[in-house]
């Protein structure tokens, strides 16, 4: 279930340890810890996106569209 809009946005942004460290509270994270946090955020975003897509798909199926 790939969403072209999400894929396009994903390709146009760089979410990495440098990006994370620009946020308050993450400035002093080690490089290793920052990379781990970014990976966890990616995993969470994927879970949320899949859930939203599945929920939307189920909702449209129930309406008969």
Protein backbone atom coordinates (compact mmCIF):
# COMPACT_ATOMS: atom_id res chain seq x y z
CA UNK A 1 0.00 0.00 0.00
CA UNK A 2 2.25 2.75 -1.21
CA UNK A 3 1.03 6.32 -1.20
CA UNK A 4 2.72 8.41 -3.93
CA UNK A 5 2.26 11.64 -1.96
CA UNK A 6 3.94 10.21 1.11
CA UNK A 7 6.72 8.70 -0.99
CA UNK A 8 7.35 12.06 -2.69
CA UNK A 9 7.53 13.89 0.62
CA UNK A 10 9.83 11.24 2.05
CA UNK A 11 12.26 11.68 -0.84
CA UNK A 12 12.34 15.47 -0.56
CA UNK A 13 13.35 15.65 3.11
CA UNK A 14 16.37 14.53 5.02
CA UNK A 15 15.55 13.36 8.49
CA UNK A 16 18.84 12.55 10.13
CA UNK A 17 20.77 13.17 13.33
CA UNK A 18 21.67 16.70 12.23
CA UNK A 19 18.00 17.51 11.67
CA UNK A 20 17.04 16.02 15.05
CA UNK A 21 19.64 18.06 16.89
CA UNK A 22 18.00 21.29 15.71
CA UNK A 23 15.13 20.62 18.14
CA UNK A 24 15.20 21.74 21.75
CA UNK A 25 16.15 18.90 24.04
CA UNK A 26 18.03 16.96 21.38
CA UNK A 27 20.98 19.32 20.89
CA UNK A 28 23.31 17.31 23.10
CA UNK A 29 22.39 13.81 21.91
CA UNK A 30 25.29 11.68 20.82
CA UNK A 31 25.43 10.87 17.13
CA UNK A 32 24.60 7.24 17.82
CA UNK A 33 21.63 8.08 20.05
CA UNK A 34 20.32 10.65 17.55
CA UNK A 35 20.48 8.10 14.72
CA UNK A 36 18.56 5.60 16.84
CA UNK A 37 15.87 8.17 17.68
CA UNK A 38 15.49 9.16 14.02
CA UNK A 39 15.08 5.51 13.05
CA UNK A 40 12.44 5.06 15.76
CA UNK A 41 10.60 8.14 14.49
CA UNK A 42 10.64 6.70 10.96
CA UNK A 43 9.21 3.43 12.22
CA UNK A 44 6.49 5.26 14.13
CA UNK A 45 5.64 7.38 11.09
CA UNK A 46 5.36 4.24 8.95
CA UNK A 47 3.03 2.62 11.49
CA UNK A 48 0.83 5.71 11.64
CA UNK A 49 0.71 6.06 7.84
CA UNK A 50 -0.21 2.41 7.37
CA UNK A 51 -2.94 2.72 9.99
CA UNK A 52 -4.39 5.85 8.40
CA UNK A 53 -4.32 4.29 4.94
CA UNK A 54 -5.93 1.08 6.19
CA UNK A 55 -8.58 2.98 8.15
CA UNK A 56 -9.37 5.19 5.16
CA UNK A 57 -9.55 2.17 2.88
CA UNK A 58 -11.89 0.33 5.26
CA UNK A 59 -14.05 3.42 5.65
CA UNK A 60 -14.49 3.85 1.91
CA UNK A 61 -15.23 0.13 1.53
CA UNK A 62 -18.02 0.38 4.10
CA UNK A 63 -19.59 3.31 2.27
CA UNK A 64 -19.52 1.43 -0.99
CA UNK A 65 -17.28 3.92 -2.78
